[in-house]
Amino acid sequence: MKYLTLNIDNTKSIEIHNSLLGKETIFYNGEQVSQKKSIFGATHEFEVLENGKEVKYKVEIGLRFSVGVSCNIYRNEDPILLF
């Protein structure tokens, strides 16, 4: 089940999918870049080329009992989504 789509700009997007069995899958522009199994959340890190430069992404998925699922996404250590 798709949990979140983040459009970084007109040409780049990150999708987060999560199953009821705890399988988290991260897609960058439709290509799978990370997959982990977790009950309470995991950290996914991957690198891609953007405009000829290597860019590092970190996606933190967690479970907060007061608000439900949380998600933080960083690009080169700069936060682009804190949820």
PDB file of N, CA and C in Angstrom:
ATOM      1  N   MET A   1       0.846  -1.164   0.000  1.00  0.00           N
ATOM      2  CA  MET A   1       0.000   0.000   0.000  1.00  0.00           C
ATOM      3  C   MET A   1       0.898   1.235   0.000  1.00  0.00           C
ATOM      4  N   LYS A   2       0.584   2.195  -0.864  1.00  0.00           N
ATOM      5  CA  LYS A   2       1.367   3.419  -0.927  1.00  0.00           C
ATOM      6  C   LYS A   2       1.012   4.284   0.273  1.00  0.00           C
ATOM      7  N   TYR A   3       2.048   4.696   0.980  1.00  0.00           N
ATOM      8  CA  TYR A   3       1.862   5.537   2.159  1.00  0.00           C
ATOM      9  C   TYR A   3       2.032   7.019   1.814  1.00  0.00           C
ATOM     10  N   LEU A   4       3.026   7.324   0.960  1.00  0.00           N
ATOM     11  CA  LEU A   4       3.353   8.721   0.708  1.00  0.00           C
ATOM     12  C   LEU A   4       4.033   8.870  -0.639  1.00  0.00           C
ATOM     13  N   THR A   5       3.718   9.944  -1.345  1.00  0.00           N
ATOM     14  CA  THR A   5       4.466  10.367  -2.526  1.00  0.00           C
ATOM     15  C   THR A   5       4.940  11.789  -2.285  1.00  0.00           C
ATOM     16  N   LEU A   6       6.244  12.005  -2.402  1.00  0.00           N
ATOM     17  CA  LEU A   6       6.820  13.339  -2.261  1.00  0.00           C
ATOM     18  C   LEU A   6       7.401  13.737  -3.606  1.00  0.00           C
ATOM     19  N   ASN A   7       6.822  14.753  -4.238  1.00  0.00           N
ATOM     20  CA  ASN A   7       7.356  15.293  -5.485  1.00  0.00           C
ATOM     21  C   ASN A   7       8.412  16.325  -5.127  1.00  0.00           C
ATOM     22  N   ILE A   8       9.661  16.000  -5.422  1.00  0.00           N
ATOM     23  CA  ILE A   8      10.774  16.874  -5.083  1.00  0.00           C
ATOM     24  C   ILE A   8      10.788  18.076  -6.024  1.00  0.00           C
ATOM     25  N   ASP A   9      10.557  17.819  -7.289  1.00  0.00           N
ATOM     26  CA  ASP A   9      10.350  18.866  -8.290  1.00  0.00           C
ATOM     27  C   ASP A   9       9.542  18.233  -9.417  1.00  0.00           C
ATOM     28  N   ASN A  10       9.521  18.847 -10.583  1.00  0.00           N
ATOM     29  CA  ASN A  10       8.707  18.325 -11.686  1.00  0.00           C
ATOM     30  C   ASN A  10       9.216  17.007 -12.255  1.00  0.00           C
ATOM     31  N   THR A  11      10.470  16.633 -11.948  1.00  0.00           N
ATOM     32  CA  THR A  11      11.046  15.427 -12.546  1.00  0.00           C
ATOM     33  C   THR A  11      11.451  14.363 -11.535  1.00  0.00           C
ATOM     34  N   LYS A  12      11.391  14.660 -10.254  1.00  0.00           N
ATOM     35  CA  LYS A  12      11.863  13.713  -9.239  1.00  0.00           C
ATOM     36  C   LYS A  12      10.794  13.487  -8.170  1.00  0.00           C
ATOM     37  N   SER A  13      10.658  12.218  -7.767  1.00  0.00           N
ATOM     38  CA  SER A  13       9.706  11.908  -6.694  1.00  0.00           C
ATOM     39  C   SER A  13      10.209  10.719  -5.881  1.00  0.00           C
ATOM     40  N   ILE A  14       9.769  10.680  -4.638  1.00  0.00           N
ATOM     41  CA  ILE A  14      10.040   9.552  -3.742  1.00  0.00           C
ATOM     42  C   ILE A  14       8.693   9.009  -3.301  1.00  0.00           C
ATOM     43  N   GLU A  15       8.533   7.690  -3.410  1.00  0.00           N
ATOM     44  CA  GLU A  15       7.323   7.023  -2.934  1.00  0.00           C
ATOM     45  C   GLU A  15       7.699   6.065  -1.823  1.00  0.00           C
ATOM     46  N   ILE A  16       6.841   6.014  -0.806  1.00  0.00           N
ATOM     47  CA  ILE A  16       7.028   5.090   0.302  1.00  0.00           C
ATOM     48  C   ILE A  16       5.835   4.150   0.323  1.00  0.00           C
ATOM     49  N   HIS A  17       6.131   2.863   0.276  1.00  0.00           N
ATOM     50  CA  HIS A  17       5.100   1.832   0.364  1.00  0.00           C
ATOM     51  C   HIS A  17       5.341   1.042   1.642  1.00  0.00           C
ATOM     52  N   ASN A  18       4.247   0.603   2.265  1.00  0.00           N
ATOM     53  CA  ASN A  18       4.337  -0.156   3.509  1.00  0.00           C
ATOM     54  C   ASN A  18       3.242  -1.210   3.494  1.00  0.00           C
ATOM     55  N   SER A  19       3.606  -2.444   3.849  1.00  0.00           N
ATOM     56  CA  SER A  19       2.617  -3.513   3.894  1.00  0.00           C
ATOM     57  C   SER A  19       2.177  -3.751   5.336  1.00  0.00           C
ATOM     58  N   LEU A  20       1.078  -4.445   5.499  1.00  0.00           N
ATOM     59  CA  LEU A  20       0.590  -4.779   6.843  1.00  0.00           C
ATOM     60  C   LEU A  20       1.555  -5.699   7.583  1.00  0.00           C
ATOM     61  N   LEU A  21       2.413  -6.395   6.855  1.00  0.00           N
ATOM     62  CA  LEU A  21       3.387  -7.298   7.468  1.00  0.00           C
ATOM     63  C   LEU A  21       4.705  -6.601   7.789  1.00  0.00           C
ATOM     64  N   GLY A  22       4.771  -5.285   7.575  1.00  0.00           N
ATOM     65  CA  GLY A  22       5.942  -4.513   7.965  1.00  0.00           C
ATOM     66  C   GLY A  22       7.011  -4.365   6.907  1.00  0.00           C
ATOM     67  N   LYS A  23       6.716  -4.661   5.653  1.00  0.00           N
ATOM     68  CA  LYS A  23       7.707  -4.487   4.591  1.00  0.00           C
ATOM     69  C   LYS A  23       7.626  -3.057   4.076  1.00  0.00           C
ATOM     70  N   GLU A  24       8.728  -2.315   4.237  1.00  0.00           N
ATOM     71  CA  GLU A  24       8.830  -0.942   3.767  1.00  0.00           C
ATOM     72  C   GLU A  24       9.634  -0.927   2.471  1.00  0.00           C
ATOM     73  N   THR A  25       9.106  -0.254   1.457  1.00  0.00           N
ATOM     74  CA  THR A  25       9.790  -0.171   0.170  1.00  0.00           C
ATOM     75  C   THR A  25       9.829   1.294  -0.261  1.00  0.00           C
ATOM     76  N   ILE A  26      11.017   1.743  -0.695  1.00  0.00           N
ATOM     77  CA  ILE A  26      11.213   3.109  -1.131  1.00  0.00           C
ATOM     78  C   ILE A  26      11.501   3.098  -2.630  1.00  0.00           C
ATOM     79  N   PHE A  27      10.806   3.984  -3.357  1.00  0.00           N
ATOM     80  CA  PHE A  27      11.007   4.133  -4.791  1.00  0.00           C
ATOM     81  C   PHE A  27      11.455   5.563  -5.080  1.00  0.00           C
ATOM     82  N   TYR A  28      12.419   5.693  -5.971  1.00  0.00           N
ATOM     83  CA  TYR A  28      12.868   6.993  -6.463  1.00  0.00           C
ATOM     84  C   TYR A  28      12.578   7.011  -7.963  1.00  0.00           C
ATOM     85  N   ASN A  29      11.718   7.907  -8.403  1.00  0.00           N
ATOM     86  CA  ASN A  29      11.291   7.978  -9.798  1.00  0.00           C
ATOM     87  C   ASN A  29      10.825   6.619 -10.319  1.00  0.00           C
ATOM     88  N   GLY A  30      10.087   5.892  -9.500  1.00  0.00           N
ATOM     89  CA  GLY A  30       9.522   4.617  -9.894  1.00  0.00           C
ATOM     90  C   GLY A  30      10.457   3.431  -9.786  1.00  0.00           C
ATOM     91  N   GLU A  31      11.716   3.652  -9.443  1.00  0.00           N
ATOM     92  CA  GLU A  31      12.693   2.575  -9.308  1.00  0.00           C
ATOM     93  C   GLU A  31      12.923   2.264  -7.832  1.00  0.00           C
ATOM     94  N   GLN A  32      12.830   0.988  -7.474  1.00  0.00           N
ATOM     95  CA  GLN A  32      13.045   0.602  -6.080  1.00  0.00           C
ATOM     96  C   GLN A  32      14.495   0.852  -5.694  1.00  0.00           C
ATOM     97  N   VAL A  33      14.692   1.590  -4.597  1.00  0.00           N
ATOM     98  CA  VAL A  33      16.042   1.915  -4.139  1.00  0.00           C
ATOM     99  C   VAL A  33      16.343   1.354  -2.747  1.00  0.00           C
ATOM    100  N   SER A  34      15.307   0.923  -2.020  1.00  0.00           N
ATOM    101  CA  SER A  34      15.528   0.355  -0.687  1.00  0.00           C
ATOM    102  C   SER A  34      14.310  -0.456  -0.276  1.00  0.00           C
ATOM    103  N   GLN A  35      14.597  -1.509   0.509  1.00  0.00           N
ATOM    104  CA  GLN A  35      13.510  -2.320   1.065  1.00  0.00           C
ATOM    105  C   GLN A  35      13.987  -2.915   2.383  1.00  0.00           C
ATOM    106  N   LYS A  36      13.158  -2.788   3.396  1.00  0.00           N
ATOM    107  CA  LYS A  36      13.468  -3.344   4.715  1.00  0.00           C
ATOM    108  C   LYS A  36      12.179  -3.850   5.345  1.00  0.00           C
ATOM    109  N   LYS A  37      12.334  -4.753   6.279  1.00  0.00           N
ATOM    110  CA  LYS A  37      11.193  -5.251   7.038  1.00  0.00           C
ATOM    111  C   LYS A  37      11.314  -4.712   8.458  1.00  0.00           C
ATOM    112  N   SER A  38      10.227  -4.119   8.942  1.00  0.00           N
ATOM    113  CA  SER A  38      10.258  -3.500  10.257  1.00  0.00           C
ATOM    114  C   SER A  38       8.850  -3.403  10.817  1.00  0.00           C
ATOM    115  N   ILE A  39       8.738  -3.474  12.109  1.00  0.00           N
ATOM    116  CA  ILE A  39       7.444  -3.293  12.765  1.00  0.00           C
ATOM    117  C   ILE A  39       7.300  -1.860  13.261  1.00  0.00           C
ATOM    118  N   PHE A  40       8.359  -1.309  13.835  1.00  0.00           N
ATOM    119  CA  PHE A  40       8.298   0.033  14.417  1.00  0.00           C
ATOM    120  C   PHE A  40       8.977   1.098  13.569  1.00  0.00           C
ATOM    121  N   GLY A  41       9.451   0.748  12.368  1.00  0.00           N
ATOM    122  CA  GLY A  41      10.070   1.720  11.480  1.00  0.00           C
ATOM    123  C   GLY A  41      11.545   1.455  11.272  1.00  0.00           C
ATOM    124  N   ALA A  42      12.070   1.994  10.190  1.00  0.00           N
ATOM    125  CA  ALA A  42      13.469   1.788   9.832  1.00  0.00           C
ATOM    126  C   ALA A  42      13.993   3.036   9.141  1.00  0.00           C
ATOM    127  N   THR A  43      15.309   3.073   8.962  1.00  0.00           N
ATOM    128  CA  THR A  43      15.960   4.150   8.232  1.00  0.00           C
ATOM    129  C   THR A  43      16.478   3.584   6.916  1.00  0.00           C
ATOM    130  N   HIS A  44      16.118   4.242   5.828  1.00  0.00           N
ATOM    131  CA  HIS A  44      16.538   3.837   4.490  1.00  0.00           C
ATOM    132  C   HIS A  44      17.471   4.910   3.949  1.00  0.00           C
ATOM    133  N   GLU A  45      18.610   4.501   3.417  1.00  0.00           N
ATOM    134  CA  GLU A  45      19.553   5.439   2.819  1.00  0.00           C
ATOM    135  C   GLU A  45      19.882   4.958   1.415  1.00  0.00           C
ATOM    136  N   PHE A  46      19.940   5.914   0.471  1.00  0.00           N
ATOM    137  CA  PHE A  46      20.291   5.565  -0.896  1.00  0.00           C
ATOM    138  C   PHE A  46      20.907   6.774  -1.576  1.00  0.00           C
ATOM    139  N   GLU A  47      21.644   6.509  -2.652  1.00  0.00           N
ATOM    140  CA  GLU A  47      22.299   7.564  -3.414  1.00  0.00           C
ATOM    141  C   GLU A  47      21.829   7.505  -4.862  1.00  0.00           C
ATOM    142  N   VAL A  48      21.643   8.654  -5.463  1.00  0.00           N
ATOM    143  CA  VAL A  48      21.219   8.751  -6.864  1.00  0.00           C
ATOM    144  C   VAL A  48      22.001   9.879  -7.532  1.00  0.00           C
ATOM    145  N   LEU A  49      22.009   9.856  -8.860  1.00  0.00           N
ATOM    146  CA  LEU A  49      22.597  10.952  -9.624  1.00  0.00           C
ATOM    147  C   LEU A  49      21.508  11.930 -10.019  1.00  0.00           C
ATOM    148  N   GLU A  50      21.740  13.189  -9.709  1.00  0.00           N
ATOM    149  CA  GLU A  50      20.832  14.258 -10.106  1.00  0.00           C
ATOM    150  C   GLU A  50      21.666  15.333 -10.785  1.00  0.00           C
ATOM    151  N   ASN A  51      21.366  15.588 -12.048  1.00  0.00           N
ATOM    152  CA  ASN A  51      22.105  16.592 -12.819  1.00  0.00           C
ATOM    153  C   ASN A  51      23.610  16.334 -12.792  1.00  0.00           C
ATOM    154  N   GLY A  52      23.988  15.051 -12.855  1.00  0.00           N
ATOM    155  CA  GLY A  52      25.396  14.673 -12.896  1.00  0.00           C
ATOM    156  C   GLY A  52      26.097  14.669 -11.552  1.00  0.00           C
ATOM    157  N   LYS A  53      25.368  14.941 -10.465  1.00  0.00           N
ATOM    158  CA  LYS A  53      25.968  14.957  -9.128  1.00  0.00           C
ATOM    159  C   LYS A  53      25.333  13.892  -8.255  1.00  0.00           C
ATOM    160  N   GLU A  54      26.160  13.271  -7.407  1.00  0.00           N
ATOM    161  CA  GLU A  54      25.661  12.261  -6.482  1.00  0.00           C
ATOM    162  C   GLU A  54      24.938  12.929  -5.320  1.00  0.00           C
ATOM    163  N   VAL A  55      23.720  12.463  -5.056  1.00  0.00           N
ATOM    164  CA  VAL A  55      22.892  13.008  -3.986  1.00  0.00           C
ATOM    165  C   VAL A  55      22.530  11.868  -3.038  1.00  0.00           C
ATOM    166  N   LYS A  56      22.632  12.139  -1.748  1.00  0.00           N
ATOM    167  CA  LYS A  56      22.313  11.134  -0.732  1.00  0.00           C
ATOM    168  C   LYS A  56      20.963  11.465  -0.106  1.00  0.00           C
ATOM    169  N   TYR A  57      20.117  10.458  -0.028  1.00  0.00           N
ATOM    170  CA  TYR A  57      18.818  10.597   0.620  1.00  0.00           C
ATOM    171  C   TYR A  57      18.760   9.681   1.831  1.00  0.00           C
ATOM    172  N   LYS A  58      18.051  10.141   2.837  1.00  0.00           N
ATOM    173  CA  LYS A  58      17.766   9.316   4.017  1.00  0.00           C
ATOM    174  C   LYS A  58      16.282   9.449   4.309  1.00  0.00           C
ATOM    175  N   VAL A  59      15.620   8.309   4.428  1.00  0.00           N
ATOM    176  CA  VAL A  59      14.192   8.272   4.727  1.00  0.00           C
ATOM    177  C   VAL A  59      14.032   7.542   6.057  1.00  0.00           C
ATOM    178  N   GLU A  60      13.512   8.228   7.052  1.00  0.00           N
ATOM    179  CA  GLU A  60      13.280   7.648   8.371  1.00  0.00           C
ATOM    180  C   GLU A  60      11.780   7.439   8.548  1.00  0.00           C
ATOM    181  N   ILE A  61      11.404   6.187   8.758  1.00  0.00           N
ATOM    182  CA  ILE A  61       9.997   5.852   8.996  1.00  0.00           C
ATOM    183  C   ILE A  61       9.897   5.365  10.424  1.00  0.00           C
ATOM    184  N   GLY A  62       8.940   5.888  11.155  1.00  0.00           N
ATOM    185  CA  GLY A  62       8.800   5.508  12.544  1.00  0.00           C
ATOM    186  C   GLY A  62       7.340   5.388  12.939  1.00  0.00           C
ATOM    187  N   LEU A  63       7.147   4.901  14.124  1.00  0.00           N
ATOM    188  CA  LEU A  63       5.810   4.752  14.668  1.00  0.00           C
ATOM    189  C   LEU A  63       5.733   5.548  15.954  1.00  0.00           C
ATOM    190  N   ARG A  64       4.872   6.550  15.955  1.00  0.00           N
ATOM    191  CA  ARG A  64       4.633   7.348  17.157  1.00  0.00           C
ATOM    192  C   ARG A  64       3.242   6.993  17.642  1.00  0.00           C
ATOM    193  N   PHE A  65       3.170   6.496  18.828  1.00  0.00           N
ATOM    194  CA  PHE A  65       1.903   5.995  19.330  1.00  0.00           C
ATOM    195  C   PHE A  65       0.841   7.085  19.446  1.00  0.00           C
ATOM    196  N   SER A  66       1.257   8.322  19.622  1.00  0.00           N
ATOM    197  CA  SER A  66       0.273   9.401  19.754  1.00  0.00           C
ATOM    198  C   SER A  66      -0.281   9.883  18.414  1.00  0.00           C
ATOM    199  N   VAL A  67       0.534   9.781  17.335  1.00  0.00           N
ATOM    200  CA  VAL A  67       0.087  10.304  16.036  1.00  0.00           C
ATOM    201  C   VAL A  67       0.099   9.274  14.919  1.00  0.00           C
ATOM    202  N   GLY A  68       0.620   8.105  15.145  1.00  0.00           N
ATOM    203  CA  GLY A  68       0.683   7.074  14.106  1.00  0.00           C
ATOM    204  C   GLY A  68       2.039   7.060  13.435  1.00  0.00           C
ATOM    205  N   VAL A  69       2.040   6.830  12.124  1.00  0.00           N
ATOM    206  CA  VAL A  69       3.283   6.706  11.369  1.00  0.00           C
ATOM    207  C   VAL A  69       3.897   8.083  11.137  1.00  0.00           C
ATOM    208  N   SER A  70       5.209   8.156  11.312  1.00  0.00           N
ATOM    209  CA  SER A  70       5.937   9.397  11.034  1.00  0.00           C
ATOM    210  C   SER A  70       6.954   9.139   9.937  1.00  0.00           C
ATOM    211  N   CYS A  71       7.336  10.197   9.252  1.00  0.00           N
ATOM    212  CA  CYS A  71       8.283  10.057   8.145  1.00  0.00           C
ATOM    213  C   CYS A  71       9.115  11.325   8.034  1.00  0.00           C
ATOM    214  N   ASN A  72      10.426  11.164   7.998  1.00  0.00           N
ATOM    215  CA  ASN A  72      11.347  12.272   7.767  1.00  0.00           C
ATOM    216  C   ASN A  72      12.190  11.930   6.545  1.00  0.00           C
ATOM    217  N   ILE A  73      12.358  12.892   5.641  1.00  0.00           N
ATOM    218  CA  ILE A  73      13.169  12.682   4.449  1.00  0.00           C
ATOM    219  C   ILE A  73      14.215  13.793   4.390  1.00  0.00           C
ATOM    220  N   TYR A  74      15.472  13.371   4.196  1.00  0.00           N
ATOM    221  CA  TYR A  74      16.597  14.290   4.120  1.00  0.00           C
ATOM    222  C   TYR A  74      17.288  14.136   2.763  1.00  0.00           C
ATOM    223  N   ARG A  75      17.711  15.242   2.196  1.00  0.00           N
ATOM    224  CA  ARG A  75      18.497  15.261   0.957  1.00  0.00           C
ATOM    225  C   ARG A  75      19.823  15.912   1.292  1.00  0.00           C
ATOM    226  N   ASN A  76      20.911  15.133   1.175  1.00  0.00           N
ATOM    227  CA  ASN A  76      22.246  15.624   1.569  1.00  0.00           C
ATOM    228  C   ASN A  76      22.208  16.229   2.974  1.00  0.00           C
ATOM    229  N   GLU A  77      21.545  15.540   3.872  1.00  0.00           N
ATOM    230  CA  GLU A  77      21.418  15.886   5.294  1.00  0.00           C
ATOM    231  C   GLU A  77      20.518  17.101   5.569  1.00  0.00           C
ATOM    232  N   ASP A  78      19.967  17.702   4.543  1.00  0.00           N
ATOM    233  CA  ASP A  78      19.022  18.814   4.727  1.00  0.00           C
ATOM    234  C   ASP A  78      17.599  18.254   4.723  1.00  0.00           C
ATOM    235  N   PRO A  79      16.801  18.589   5.726  1.00  0.00           N
ATOM    236  CA  PRO A  79      15.426  18.066   5.754  1.00  0.00           C
ATOM    237  C   PRO A  79      14.582  18.648   4.620  1.00  0.00           C
ATOM    238  N   ILE A  80      13.875  17.758   3.915  1.00  0.00           N
ATOM    239  CA  ILE A  80      12.929  18.223   2.895  1.00  0.00           C
ATOM    240  C   ILE A  80      11.511  17.857   3.265  1.00  0.00           C
ATOM    241  N   LEU A  81      11.338  16.950   4.244  1.00  0.00           N
ATOM    242  CA  LEU A  81      10.013  16.628   4.783  1.00  0.00           C
ATOM    243  C   LEU A  81      10.185  16.120   6.192  1.00  0.00           C
ATOM    244  N   LEU A  82       9.511  16.730   7.128  1.00  0.00           N
ATOM    245  CA  LEU A  82       9.476  16.272   8.523  1.00  0.00           C
ATOM    246  C   LEU A  82       8.019  16.102   8.884  1.00  0.00           C
ATOM    247  N   PHE A  83       7.623  14.838   9.057  1.00  0.00           N
ATOM    248  CA  PHE A  83       6.205  14.547   9.270  1.00  0.00           C
ATOM    249  C   PHE A  83       6.053  13.503  10.351  1.00  0.00           C
TER     250      PHE A  83
END
